[in-house]
Amino acid sequence: QVQLVESGGGLVQPGGSLRLSCAASGSTSSMYTMGWYRQAPGKERELVTTITITGRTNTADSVKGRFTISRDNAKNTVYLQMNSLKPEDTALYYCNCRDITNRYNYWGQGTQVTVSS
């Protein structure tokens, strides 16, 4: 089992920045892909960005150029640097990790990001 704990969410004005962190614990030796998804009220959960253990990334067009994902494999932690935030970025942000075959798929509890003036 893998446990994921997100932190760093909050309230920020449009154009501002936030940095999210996700710390993993448990059976972390086979975490191939880690990343971030988000869900706004009334909408489906959607991809934000992911990163593999080799550093390959997959990022939604809506956040390209504004959000950057990184991971520290030694610390079992993934980060999301969010810049130039927009009101449409408001959502509950979830950390996710998967093994290479997608047999295991773990989720954190979510951290709220609210972008409002």
C-alpha atoms as a PDB file:
ATOM      1  CA  GLN A   1       0.000   0.000   0.000  1.00  0.00           C
ATOM      2  CA  VAL A   2       1.032   3.572  -0.688  1.00  0.00           C
ATOM      3  CA  GLN A   3      -0.131   6.598   1.233  1.00  0.00           C
ATOM      4  CA  LEU A   4      -0.049  10.041  -0.371  1.00  0.00           C
ATOM      5  CA  VAL A   5      -0.388  13.294   1.552  1.00  0.00           C
ATOM      6  CA  GLU A   6      -0.752  16.601  -0.285  1.00  0.00           C
ATOM      7  CA  SER A   7      -0.013  20.029   1.127  1.00  0.00           C
ATOM      8  CA  GLY A   8       0.458  23.601  -0.023  1.00  0.00           C
ATOM      9  CA  GLY A   9      -2.991  24.560  -1.246  1.00  0.00           C
ATOM     10  CA  GLY A  10      -4.691  27.792  -0.348  1.00  0.00           C
ATOM     11  CA  LEU A  11      -6.276  31.005  -1.551  1.00  0.00           C
ATOM     12  CA  VAL A  12      -4.394  33.118  -4.061  1.00  0.00           C
ATOM     13  CA  GLN A  13      -5.235  36.041  -6.332  1.00  0.00           C
ATOM     14  CA  PRO A  14      -5.187  35.689 -10.116  1.00  0.00           C
ATOM     15  CA  GLY A  15      -1.621  35.871 -11.362  1.00  0.00           C
ATOM     16  CA  GLY A  16      -0.244  34.510  -8.122  1.00  0.00           C
ATOM     17  CA  SER A  17       1.716  31.347  -7.399  1.00  0.00           C
ATOM     18  CA  LEU A  18       1.463  28.277  -5.206  1.00  0.00           C
ATOM     19  CA  ARG A  19       3.663  25.252  -4.680  1.00  0.00           C
ATOM     20  CA  LEU A  20       2.047  21.919  -3.875  1.00  0.00           C
ATOM     21  CA  SER A  21       3.846  18.979  -2.324  1.00  0.00           C
ATOM     22  CA  CYS A  22       2.920  15.310  -2.141  1.00  0.00           C
ATOM     23  CA  ALA A  23       4.778  13.000   0.203  1.00  0.00           C
ATOM     24  CA  ALA A  24       4.488   9.250  -0.391  1.00  0.00           C
ATOM     25  CA  SER A  25       5.017   6.496   2.133  1.00  0.00           C
ATOM     26  CA  GLY A  26       4.553   2.747   2.294  1.00  0.00           C
ATOM     27  CA  SER A  27       5.446   0.453  -0.613  1.00  0.00           C
ATOM     28  CA  THR A  28       7.036   3.147  -2.721  1.00  0.00           C
ATOM     29  CA  SER A  29       9.718   1.149  -4.544  1.00  0.00           C
ATOM     30  CA  SER A  30       7.653   0.631  -7.707  1.00  0.00           C
ATOM     31  CA  MET A  31       6.138   4.084  -8.191  1.00  0.00           C
ATOM     32  CA  TYR A  32       6.701   4.656 -11.894  1.00  0.00           C
ATOM     33  CA  THR A  33       4.446   7.613 -12.553  1.00  0.00           C
ATOM     34  CA  MET A  34       3.548  10.347 -10.112  1.00  0.00           C
ATOM     35  CA  GLY A  35       1.449  13.355 -10.837  1.00  0.00           C
ATOM     36  CA  TRP A  36      -1.361  15.738 -10.197  1.00  0.00           C
ATOM     37  CA  TYR A  37      -5.021  15.736 -11.158  1.00  0.00           C
ATOM     38  CA  ARG A  38      -7.717  18.218 -10.256  1.00  0.00           C
ATOM     39  CA  GLN A  39     -11.470  18.303  -9.900  1.00  0.00           C
ATOM     40  CA  ALA A  40     -13.711  21.344  -9.782  1.00  0.00           C
ATOM     41  CA  PRO A  41     -17.321  21.201  -8.525  1.00  0.00           C
ATOM     42  CA  GLY A  42     -19.596  19.747 -11.181  1.00  0.00           C
ATOM     43  CA  LYS A  43     -16.700  18.619 -13.370  1.00  0.00           C
ATOM     44  CA  GLU A  44     -14.836  15.370 -13.846  1.00  0.00           C
ATOM     45  CA  ARG A  45     -11.369  14.851 -12.481  1.00  0.00           C
ATOM     46  CA  GLU A  46      -8.815  15.844 -15.095  1.00  0.00           C
ATOM     47  CA  LEU A  47      -5.119  15.467 -15.718  1.00  0.00           C
ATOM     48  CA  VAL A  48      -2.899  18.349 -14.711  1.00  0.00           C
ATOM     49  CA  THR A  49       0.571  16.894 -15.190  1.00  0.00           C
ATOM     50  CA  THR A  50       2.498  13.683 -14.513  1.00  0.00           C
ATOM     51  CA  ILE A  51       6.131  12.639 -14.423  1.00  0.00           C
ATOM     52  CA  THR A  52       7.736   9.213 -14.718  1.00  0.00           C
ATOM     53  CA  ILE A  53      10.669   7.949 -12.723  1.00  0.00           C
ATOM     54  CA  THR A  54      12.854   8.697 -15.752  1.00  0.00           C
ATOM     55  CA  GLY A  55      11.665  12.300 -15.925  1.00  0.00           C
ATOM     56  CA  ARG A  56       9.233  12.111 -18.836  1.00  0.00           C
ATOM     57  CA  THR A  57       6.291  14.467 -18.373  1.00  0.00           C
ATOM     58  CA  ASN A  58       2.743  14.681 -19.649  1.00  0.00           C
ATOM     59  CA  THR A  59       0.998  18.010 -19.148  1.00  0.00           C
ATOM     60  CA  ALA A  60      -2.464  19.307 -19.945  1.00  0.00           C
ATOM     61  CA  ASP A  61      -2.588  22.059 -22.553  1.00  0.00           C
ATOM     62  CA  SER A  62      -4.486  24.289 -20.137  1.00  0.00           C
ATOM     63  CA  VAL A  63      -1.505  24.564 -17.780  1.00  0.00           C
ATOM     64  CA  LYS A  64       1.479  24.279 -20.128  1.00  0.00           C
ATOM     65  CA  GLY A  65       3.924  27.092 -19.564  1.00  0.00           C
ATOM     66  CA  ARG A  66       2.447  27.885 -16.154  1.00  0.00           C
ATOM     67  CA  PHE A  67       2.741  24.691 -14.086  1.00  0.00           C
ATOM     68  CA  THR A  68       5.886  22.637 -13.566  1.00  0.00           C
ATOM     69  CA  ILE A  69       6.078  19.179 -12.026  1.00  0.00           C
ATOM     70  CA  SER A  70       9.164  17.729 -10.388  1.00  0.00           C
ATOM     71  CA  ARG A  71       9.981  14.758  -8.175  1.00  0.00           C
ATOM     72  CA  ASP A  72      12.588  13.827  -5.642  1.00  0.00           C
ATOM     73  CA  ASN A  73      12.868  10.052  -5.781  1.00  0.00           C
ATOM     74  CA  ALA A  74      15.064   9.885  -2.698  1.00  0.00           C
ATOM     75  CA  LYS A  75      12.394  11.673  -0.675  1.00  0.00           C
ATOM     76  CA  ASN A  76       9.434   9.980  -2.410  1.00  0.00           C
ATOM     77  CA  THR A  77       7.969  13.407  -3.008  1.00  0.00           C
ATOM     78  CA  VAL A  78       6.441  15.114  -6.028  1.00  0.00           C
ATOM     79  CA  TYR A  79       5.925  18.853  -6.383  1.00  0.00           C
ATOM     80  CA  LEU A  80       3.741  21.120  -8.469  1.00  0.00           C
ATOM     81  CA  GLN A  81       4.863  24.699  -8.983  1.00  0.00           C
ATOM     82  CA  MET A  82       1.888  26.745 -10.158  1.00  0.00           C
ATOM     83  CA  ASN A  83       2.495  30.201 -11.590  1.00  0.00           C
ATOM     84  CA  SER A  84       0.242  32.731 -13.295  1.00  0.00           C
ATOM     85  CA  LEU A  85      -2.784  31.179 -11.660  1.00  0.00           C
ATOM     86  CA  LYS A  86      -6.195  31.777 -13.186  1.00  0.00           C
ATOM     87  CA  PRO A  87      -9.677  31.515 -11.650  1.00  0.00           C
ATOM     88  CA  GLU A  88     -10.307  28.438 -13.798  1.00  0.00           C
ATOM     89  CA  ASP A  89      -7.474  26.701 -11.945  1.00  0.00           C
ATOM     90  CA  THR A  90      -9.678  26.598  -8.847  1.00  0.00           C
ATOM     91  CA  ALA A  91     -10.140  22.950  -7.904  1.00  0.00           C
ATOM     92  CA  LEU A  92      -9.304  20.210  -5.467  1.00  0.00           C
ATOM     93  CA  TYR A  93      -5.864  18.971  -6.481  1.00  0.00           C
ATOM     94  CA  TYR A  94      -5.075  15.278  -6.021  1.00  0.00           C
ATOM     95  CA  CYS A  95      -1.728  13.569  -5.969  1.00  0.00           C
ATOM     96  CA  ASN A  96      -1.511  10.248  -7.815  1.00  0.00           C
ATOM     97  CA  CYS A  97       0.996   7.464  -8.266  1.00  0.00           C
ATOM     98  CA  ARG A  98       0.973   4.376 -10.486  1.00  0.00           C
ATOM     99  CA  ASP A  99       3.198   1.424 -11.185  1.00  0.00           C
ATOM    100  CA  ILE A 100       4.441   0.846 -14.708  1.00  0.00           C
ATOM    101  CA  THR A 101       1.653  -1.626 -15.563  1.00  0.00           C
ATOM    102  CA  ASN A 102      -1.133   0.404 -13.896  1.00  0.00           C
ATOM    103  CA  ARG A 103      -1.913  -2.511 -11.613  1.00  0.00           C
ATOM    104  CA  TYR A 104      -1.756  -0.097  -8.693  1.00  0.00           C
ATOM    105  CA  ASN A 105      -3.207   3.384  -8.695  1.00  0.00           C
ATOM    106  CA  TYR A 106      -3.104   5.449  -5.504  1.00  0.00           C
ATOM    107  CA  TRP A 107      -4.630   8.806  -4.651  1.00  0.00           C
ATOM    108  CA  GLY A 108      -4.092  11.383  -1.959  1.00  0.00           C
ATOM    109  CA  GLN A 109      -6.863  13.132  -0.062  1.00  0.00           C
ATOM    110  CA  GLY A 110      -6.594  16.328  -2.084  1.00  0.00           C
ATOM    111  CA  THR A 111      -5.627  19.908  -1.326  1.00  0.00           C
ATOM    112  CA  GLN A 112      -7.829  22.857  -2.227  1.00  0.00           C
ATOM    113  CA  VAL A 113      -6.570  25.591  -4.540  1.00  0.00           C
ATOM    114  CA  THR A 114      -8.767  28.660  -4.871  1.00  0.00           C
ATOM    115  CA  VAL A 115      -7.881  31.476  -7.273  1.00  0.00           C
ATOM    116  CA  SER A 116     -10.046  34.515  -6.689  1.00  0.00           C
ATOM    117  CA  SER A 117      -9.835  38.269  -6.391  1.00  0.00           C
END
